[in-house]
N, C-alpha and C. Protein backbone atom coordinates (compact mmCIF):
# COMPACT_ATOMS: atom_id res chain seq x y z
N MET A 1 -28.78 -21.73 17.38
CA MET A 1 -29.10 -21.02 16.15
C MET A 1 -27.80 -20.52 15.52
N GLU A 2 -27.64 -20.76 14.26
CA GLU A 2 -26.43 -20.40 13.53
C GLU A 2 -26.55 -18.96 13.02
N ASN A 3 -25.49 -18.19 13.20
CA ASN A 3 -25.47 -16.81 12.75
C ASN A 3 -25.03 -16.78 11.29
N ARG A 4 -25.93 -16.47 10.40
CA ARG A 4 -25.62 -16.44 8.97
C ARG A 4 -25.71 -15.01 8.45
N THR A 5 -24.68 -14.29 8.69
CA THR A 5 -24.67 -12.94 8.16
C THR A 5 -23.91 -12.93 6.85
N LYS A 6 -24.57 -12.51 5.84
CA LYS A 6 -23.96 -12.43 4.52
C LYS A 6 -23.05 -11.21 4.50
N LYS A 7 -21.83 -11.41 4.05
CA LYS A 7 -20.90 -10.30 3.94
C LYS A 7 -21.35 -9.41 2.80
N ARG A 8 -21.62 -8.17 3.13
CA ARG A 8 -22.11 -7.23 2.15
C ARG A 8 -20.95 -6.57 1.41
N ARG A 9 -21.17 -6.20 0.18
CA ARG A 9 -20.14 -5.55 -0.63
C ARG A 9 -19.73 -4.23 0.02
N THR A 10 -20.65 -3.56 0.69
CA THR A 10 -20.34 -2.28 1.30
C THR A 10 -19.40 -2.43 2.50
N ALA A 11 -19.24 -3.64 2.98
CA ALA A 11 -18.36 -3.88 4.13
C ALA A 11 -16.89 -3.96 3.72
N THR A 12 -16.66 -4.18 2.43
CA THR A 12 -15.28 -4.28 1.95
C THR A 12 -15.01 -3.17 0.96
N LYS A 13 -13.78 -2.73 0.95
CA LYS A 13 -13.39 -1.64 0.07
C LYS A 13 -12.42 -2.17 -0.96
N LYS A 14 -12.79 -2.04 -2.22
CA LYS A 14 -11.94 -2.49 -3.32
C LYS A 14 -11.89 -1.37 -4.35
N MET A 15 -10.86 -0.54 -4.25
CA MET A 15 -10.75 0.60 -5.15
C MET A 15 -10.40 0.12 -6.55
N THR A 16 -11.14 0.64 -7.50
CA THR A 16 -10.91 0.32 -8.89
C THR A 16 -10.65 1.61 -9.66
N LYS A 17 -10.08 1.46 -10.82
CA LYS A 17 -9.84 2.63 -11.66
C LYS A 17 -11.18 3.25 -12.08
N GLU A 18 -12.19 2.41 -12.28
CA GLU A 18 -13.51 2.91 -12.63
C GLU A 18 -14.02 3.87 -11.56
N ALA A 19 -13.85 3.49 -10.29
CA ALA A 19 -14.30 4.32 -9.17
C ALA A 19 -13.56 5.65 -9.17
N LEU A 20 -12.25 5.61 -9.42
CA LEU A 20 -11.46 6.84 -9.44
C LEU A 20 -11.87 7.75 -10.60
N VAL A 21 -12.17 7.17 -11.74
CA VAL A 21 -12.61 7.97 -12.89
C VAL A 21 -13.97 8.60 -12.60
N LEU A 22 -14.88 7.84 -12.00
CA LEU A 22 -16.19 8.41 -11.66
C LEU A 22 -16.05 9.59 -10.70
N ARG A 23 -15.17 9.46 -9.73
CA ARG A 23 -14.94 10.56 -8.79
C ARG A 23 -14.39 11.78 -9.53
N TYR A 24 -13.43 11.55 -10.40
CA TYR A 24 -12.85 12.66 -11.17
C TYR A 24 -13.92 13.34 -12.01
N LEU A 25 -14.76 12.57 -12.70
CA LEU A 25 -15.79 13.16 -13.54
C LEU A 25 -16.75 14.02 -12.72
N ARG A 26 -17.14 13.52 -11.56
CA ARG A 26 -18.04 14.30 -10.69
C ARG A 26 -17.35 15.57 -10.21
N GLU A 27 -16.13 15.43 -9.72
CA GLU A 27 -15.41 16.59 -9.20
C GLU A 27 -15.09 17.60 -10.30
N SER A 28 -14.87 17.13 -11.52
CA SER A 28 -14.57 18.05 -12.63
C SER A 28 -15.75 18.95 -12.94
N ARG A 29 -16.94 18.51 -12.60
CA ARG A 29 -18.15 19.32 -12.79
C ARG A 29 -18.50 20.11 -11.52
N ARG A 30 -17.60 20.04 -10.55
CA ARG A 30 -17.77 20.75 -9.27
C ARG A 30 -19.09 20.38 -8.57
N LEU A 31 -19.38 19.09 -8.59
CA LEU A 31 -20.59 18.58 -7.93
C LEU A 31 -20.22 17.90 -6.63
N SER A 32 -20.92 18.26 -5.57
CA SER A 32 -20.78 17.50 -4.33
C SER A 32 -21.53 16.19 -4.54
N MET A 33 -21.33 15.25 -3.66
CA MET A 33 -22.06 13.99 -3.79
C MET A 33 -23.56 14.23 -3.67
N ARG A 34 -23.94 15.15 -2.83
CA ARG A 34 -25.36 15.46 -2.65
C ARG A 34 -25.97 16.05 -3.92
N LYS A 35 -25.23 16.99 -4.54
CA LYS A 35 -25.73 17.59 -5.78
C LYS A 35 -25.74 16.56 -6.91
N ALA A 36 -24.72 15.72 -6.93
CA ALA A 36 -24.65 14.66 -7.95
C ALA A 36 -25.83 13.71 -7.80
N ALA A 37 -26.23 13.44 -6.57
CA ALA A 37 -27.37 12.55 -6.33
C ALA A 37 -28.64 13.15 -6.94
N LYS A 38 -28.82 14.45 -6.79
CA LYS A 38 -30.01 15.10 -7.37
C LYS A 38 -29.97 15.05 -8.89
N VAL A 39 -28.80 15.28 -9.46
CA VAL A 39 -28.65 15.29 -10.91
C VAL A 39 -28.84 13.90 -11.52
N THR A 40 -28.33 12.88 -10.83
CA THR A 40 -28.35 11.52 -11.38
C THR A 40 -29.60 10.73 -11.03
N GLY A 41 -30.26 11.12 -9.94
CA GLY A 41 -31.44 10.38 -9.50
C GLY A 41 -31.11 9.15 -8.67
N VAL A 42 -29.86 9.06 -8.19
CA VAL A 42 -29.49 7.99 -7.27
C VAL A 42 -29.11 8.63 -5.95
N SER A 43 -29.06 7.86 -4.90
CA SER A 43 -28.76 8.42 -3.59
C SER A 43 -27.29 8.82 -3.48
N ASP A 44 -27.01 9.77 -2.61
CA ASP A 44 -25.62 10.18 -2.39
C ASP A 44 -24.82 9.03 -1.77
N ALA A 45 -25.50 8.14 -1.04
CA ALA A 45 -24.82 6.97 -0.47
C ALA A 45 -24.34 6.04 -1.58
N GLN A 46 -25.16 5.87 -2.62
CA GLN A 46 -24.75 5.01 -3.74
C GLN A 46 -23.54 5.61 -4.46
N ILE A 47 -23.54 6.92 -4.63
CA ILE A 47 -22.41 7.58 -5.27
C ILE A 47 -21.17 7.43 -4.41
N ASN A 48 -21.34 7.62 -3.11
CA ASN A 48 -20.23 7.45 -2.18
C ASN A 48 -19.67 6.05 -2.25
N HIS A 49 -20.53 5.07 -2.21
CA HIS A 49 -20.09 3.66 -2.26
C HIS A 49 -19.40 3.35 -3.59
N ALA A 50 -19.93 3.90 -4.67
CA ALA A 50 -19.34 3.67 -5.99
C ALA A 50 -17.93 4.25 -6.07
N GLU A 51 -17.76 5.47 -5.58
CA GLU A 51 -16.48 6.17 -5.67
C GLU A 51 -15.45 5.67 -4.66
N ASN A 52 -15.90 4.99 -3.64
CA ASN A 52 -14.98 4.52 -2.60
C ASN A 52 -14.80 3.01 -2.58
N GLY A 53 -15.13 2.37 -3.71
CA GLY A 53 -14.88 0.94 -3.84
C GLY A 53 -15.76 0.05 -3.00
N ARG A 54 -16.93 0.51 -2.64
CA ARG A 54 -17.82 -0.28 -1.80
C ARG A 54 -19.08 -0.73 -2.55
N LYS A 55 -19.05 -0.57 -3.88
CA LYS A 55 -20.20 -0.96 -4.69
C LYS A 55 -19.67 -1.57 -5.98
N ASP A 56 -20.28 -2.68 -6.38
CA ASP A 56 -19.94 -3.26 -7.67
C ASP A 56 -20.49 -2.34 -8.75
N LEU A 57 -19.64 -1.96 -9.67
CA LEU A 57 -20.05 -1.01 -10.70
C LEU A 57 -20.48 -1.74 -11.96
N LYS A 58 -21.76 -1.61 -12.26
CA LYS A 58 -22.33 -2.22 -13.46
C LYS A 58 -22.37 -1.17 -14.56
N PRO A 59 -22.24 -1.60 -15.82
CA PRO A 59 -22.20 -0.64 -16.93
C PRO A 59 -23.39 0.32 -16.98
N ASP A 60 -24.60 -0.15 -16.67
CA ASP A 60 -25.77 0.74 -16.73
C ASP A 60 -25.70 1.81 -15.64
N PHE A 61 -25.17 1.48 -14.47
CA PHE A 61 -25.02 2.46 -13.39
C PHE A 61 -23.95 3.49 -13.78
N ILE A 62 -22.83 3.01 -14.32
CA ILE A 62 -21.76 3.91 -14.75
C ILE A 62 -22.29 4.86 -15.82
N LEU A 63 -23.00 4.34 -16.79
CA LEU A 63 -23.55 5.15 -17.87
C LEU A 63 -24.48 6.24 -17.34
N LYS A 64 -25.31 5.87 -16.38
CA LYS A 64 -26.24 6.84 -15.79
C LYS A 64 -25.48 8.01 -15.17
N LEU A 65 -24.42 7.71 -14.41
CA LEU A 65 -23.64 8.77 -13.78
C LEU A 65 -22.89 9.60 -14.82
N VAL A 66 -22.24 8.92 -15.73
CA VAL A 66 -21.41 9.60 -16.74
C VAL A 66 -22.24 10.57 -17.56
N VAL A 67 -23.39 10.14 -18.03
CA VAL A 67 -24.25 10.99 -18.84
C VAL A 67 -24.78 12.16 -18.01
N ALA A 68 -25.17 11.91 -16.78
CA ALA A 68 -25.67 12.98 -15.91
C ALA A 68 -24.59 14.02 -15.62
N TYR A 69 -23.33 13.61 -15.63
CA TYR A 69 -22.22 14.54 -15.42
C TYR A 69 -21.84 15.28 -16.69
N GLY A 70 -22.49 14.97 -17.80
CA GLY A 70 -22.23 15.67 -19.05
C GLY A 70 -21.10 15.09 -19.88
N TYR A 71 -20.79 13.84 -19.66
CA TYR A 71 -19.77 13.14 -20.43
C TYR A 71 -20.43 12.03 -21.24
N THR A 72 -19.66 11.45 -22.15
CA THR A 72 -20.15 10.29 -22.89
C THR A 72 -19.49 9.05 -22.30
N TYR A 73 -20.05 7.90 -22.64
CA TYR A 73 -19.46 6.65 -22.17
C TYR A 73 -18.07 6.48 -22.79
N GLN A 74 -17.90 6.99 -24.01
CA GLN A 74 -16.58 6.94 -24.65
C GLN A 74 -15.58 7.78 -23.88
N ASP A 75 -16.00 8.95 -23.36
CA ASP A 75 -15.12 9.76 -22.51
C ASP A 75 -14.67 8.95 -21.31
N PHE A 76 -15.62 8.27 -20.68
CA PHE A 76 -15.31 7.44 -19.52
C PHE A 76 -14.26 6.39 -19.88
N LEU A 77 -14.48 5.71 -21.01
CA LEU A 77 -13.54 4.68 -21.44
C LEU A 77 -12.17 5.26 -21.76
N ASP A 78 -12.15 6.46 -22.35
CA ASP A 78 -10.88 7.11 -22.67
C ASP A 78 -10.10 7.44 -21.40
N PHE A 79 -10.78 7.95 -20.38
CA PHE A 79 -10.12 8.21 -19.10
C PHE A 79 -9.65 6.90 -18.48
N LEU A 80 -10.47 5.89 -18.57
CA LEU A 80 -10.17 4.59 -17.99
C LEU A 80 -8.94 3.96 -18.64
N ASN A 81 -8.82 4.13 -19.95
CA ASN A 81 -7.72 3.52 -20.70
C ASN A 81 -6.56 4.48 -20.96
N ASN A 82 -6.53 5.57 -20.21
CA ASN A 82 -5.45 6.56 -20.28
C ASN A 82 -5.31 7.22 -21.65
N LYS A 83 -6.38 7.27 -22.42
CA LYS A 83 -6.34 8.01 -23.68
C LYS A 83 -6.57 9.50 -23.42
N LYS A 84 -7.21 9.79 -22.30
CA LYS A 84 -7.37 11.16 -21.81
C LYS A 84 -6.80 11.17 -20.41
N GLU A 85 -6.11 12.25 -20.06
CA GLU A 85 -5.49 12.32 -18.75
C GLU A 85 -6.45 12.93 -17.73
N ALA A 86 -6.57 12.28 -16.61
CA ALA A 86 -7.44 12.75 -15.53
C ALA A 86 -6.61 12.93 -14.27
N PRO A 87 -6.43 14.17 -13.83
CA PRO A 87 -5.70 14.36 -12.57
C PRO A 87 -6.53 13.83 -11.42
N GLU A 88 -6.14 12.70 -10.87
CA GLU A 88 -6.92 12.04 -9.85
C GLU A 88 -6.87 12.82 -8.54
N HIS A 89 -8.00 13.19 -8.07
CA HIS A 89 -8.16 13.84 -6.77
C HIS A 89 -7.26 15.08 -6.62
N LEU A 90 -7.14 15.86 -7.65
CA LEU A 90 -6.24 17.00 -7.62
C LEU A 90 -6.53 17.93 -6.43
N LEU A 91 -7.77 18.29 -6.25
CA LEU A 91 -8.11 19.20 -5.17
C LEU A 91 -7.81 18.59 -3.81
N SER A 92 -8.22 17.34 -3.61
CA SER A 92 -7.99 16.72 -2.31
C SER A 92 -6.50 16.51 -2.05
N GLU A 93 -5.72 16.24 -3.10
CA GLU A 93 -4.28 16.10 -2.93
C GLU A 93 -3.65 17.43 -2.52
N CYS A 94 -4.11 18.52 -3.15
CA CYS A 94 -3.59 19.85 -2.80
C CYS A 94 -3.93 20.22 -1.36
N ILE A 95 -5.14 19.93 -0.96
CA ILE A 95 -5.56 20.23 0.42
C ILE A 95 -4.72 19.44 1.40
N SER A 96 -4.46 18.19 1.07
CA SER A 96 -3.63 17.35 1.93
C SER A 96 -2.22 17.93 2.08
N ILE A 97 -1.66 18.41 0.99
CA ILE A 97 -0.33 19.02 1.04
C ILE A 97 -0.37 20.30 1.88
N LEU A 98 -1.40 21.11 1.68
CA LEU A 98 -1.52 22.36 2.44
C LEU A 98 -1.61 22.11 3.94
N LYS A 99 -2.29 21.05 4.33
CA LYS A 99 -2.44 20.73 5.75
C LYS A 99 -1.12 20.37 6.40
N ARG A 100 -0.18 19.89 5.60
CA ARG A 100 1.12 19.50 6.15
C ARG A 100 2.12 20.64 6.21
N LEU A 101 1.81 21.75 5.55
CA LEU A 101 2.77 22.86 5.50
C LEU A 101 2.84 23.62 6.83
N LYS A 102 4.03 24.10 7.11
CA LYS A 102 4.23 24.95 8.28
C LYS A 102 3.69 26.34 7.95
N PRO A 103 3.28 27.10 8.98
CA PRO A 103 2.64 28.41 8.74
C PRO A 103 3.43 29.36 7.83
N ASP A 104 4.75 29.39 7.95
CA ASP A 104 5.51 30.31 7.11
C ASP A 104 5.45 29.92 5.63
N LYS A 105 5.47 28.64 5.35
CA LYS A 105 5.37 28.18 3.96
C LYS A 105 3.94 28.34 3.45
N LEU A 106 2.98 28.15 4.32
CA LEU A 106 1.58 28.30 3.94
C LEU A 106 1.30 29.75 3.52
N LYS A 107 1.93 30.67 4.19
CA LYS A 107 1.78 32.08 3.86
C LYS A 107 2.31 32.36 2.45
N SER A 108 3.42 31.73 2.11
CA SER A 108 3.99 31.89 0.76
C SER A 108 3.06 31.32 -0.30
N VAL A 109 2.48 30.17 -0.01
CA VAL A 109 1.56 29.54 -0.96
C VAL A 109 0.33 30.42 -1.15
N LYS A 110 -0.16 31.00 -0.09
CA LYS A 110 -1.32 31.89 -0.16
C LYS A 110 -1.03 33.06 -1.10
N THR A 111 0.16 33.63 -0.97
CA THR A 111 0.55 34.76 -1.82
C THR A 111 0.54 34.33 -3.30
N ILE A 112 1.07 33.16 -3.56
CA ILE A 112 1.10 32.65 -4.94
C ILE A 112 -0.31 32.44 -5.47
N LEU A 113 -1.17 31.82 -4.67
CA LEU A 113 -2.54 31.55 -5.11
C LEU A 113 -3.32 32.83 -5.36
N GLU A 114 -3.09 33.84 -4.57
CA GLU A 114 -3.81 35.10 -4.74
C GLU A 114 -3.38 35.84 -6.01
N SER A 115 -2.25 35.45 -6.59
CA SER A 115 -1.79 36.12 -7.81
C SER A 115 -2.52 35.64 -9.06
N PHE A 116 -3.30 34.56 -8.97
CA PHE A 116 -4.03 34.06 -10.15
C PHE A 116 -5.31 34.79 -10.40
């Protein structure tokens, strides 16, 4: 018997700018994937796969997410084409930097953050 397993899209990761913009739009609204799933009516797994390059992104799916996040499709295109600037993964990048800091420097950063 021949093993015919079809390679699924979720098995491969292909990051696209579309995926990064969708993640930024969700994070800009301070939505977790779980909360975004409730707002959009799609599963949190689908959102995860979309944002992590494991799902083919079709225009109707993108539109559904973008509108649910309170943006227009034109906003999405503007971010995609660099007409609007989107700090990609700003929070996660900051957390990554903080994790690498030595305790004495971390204490200094804490003092700065508390001043805002």
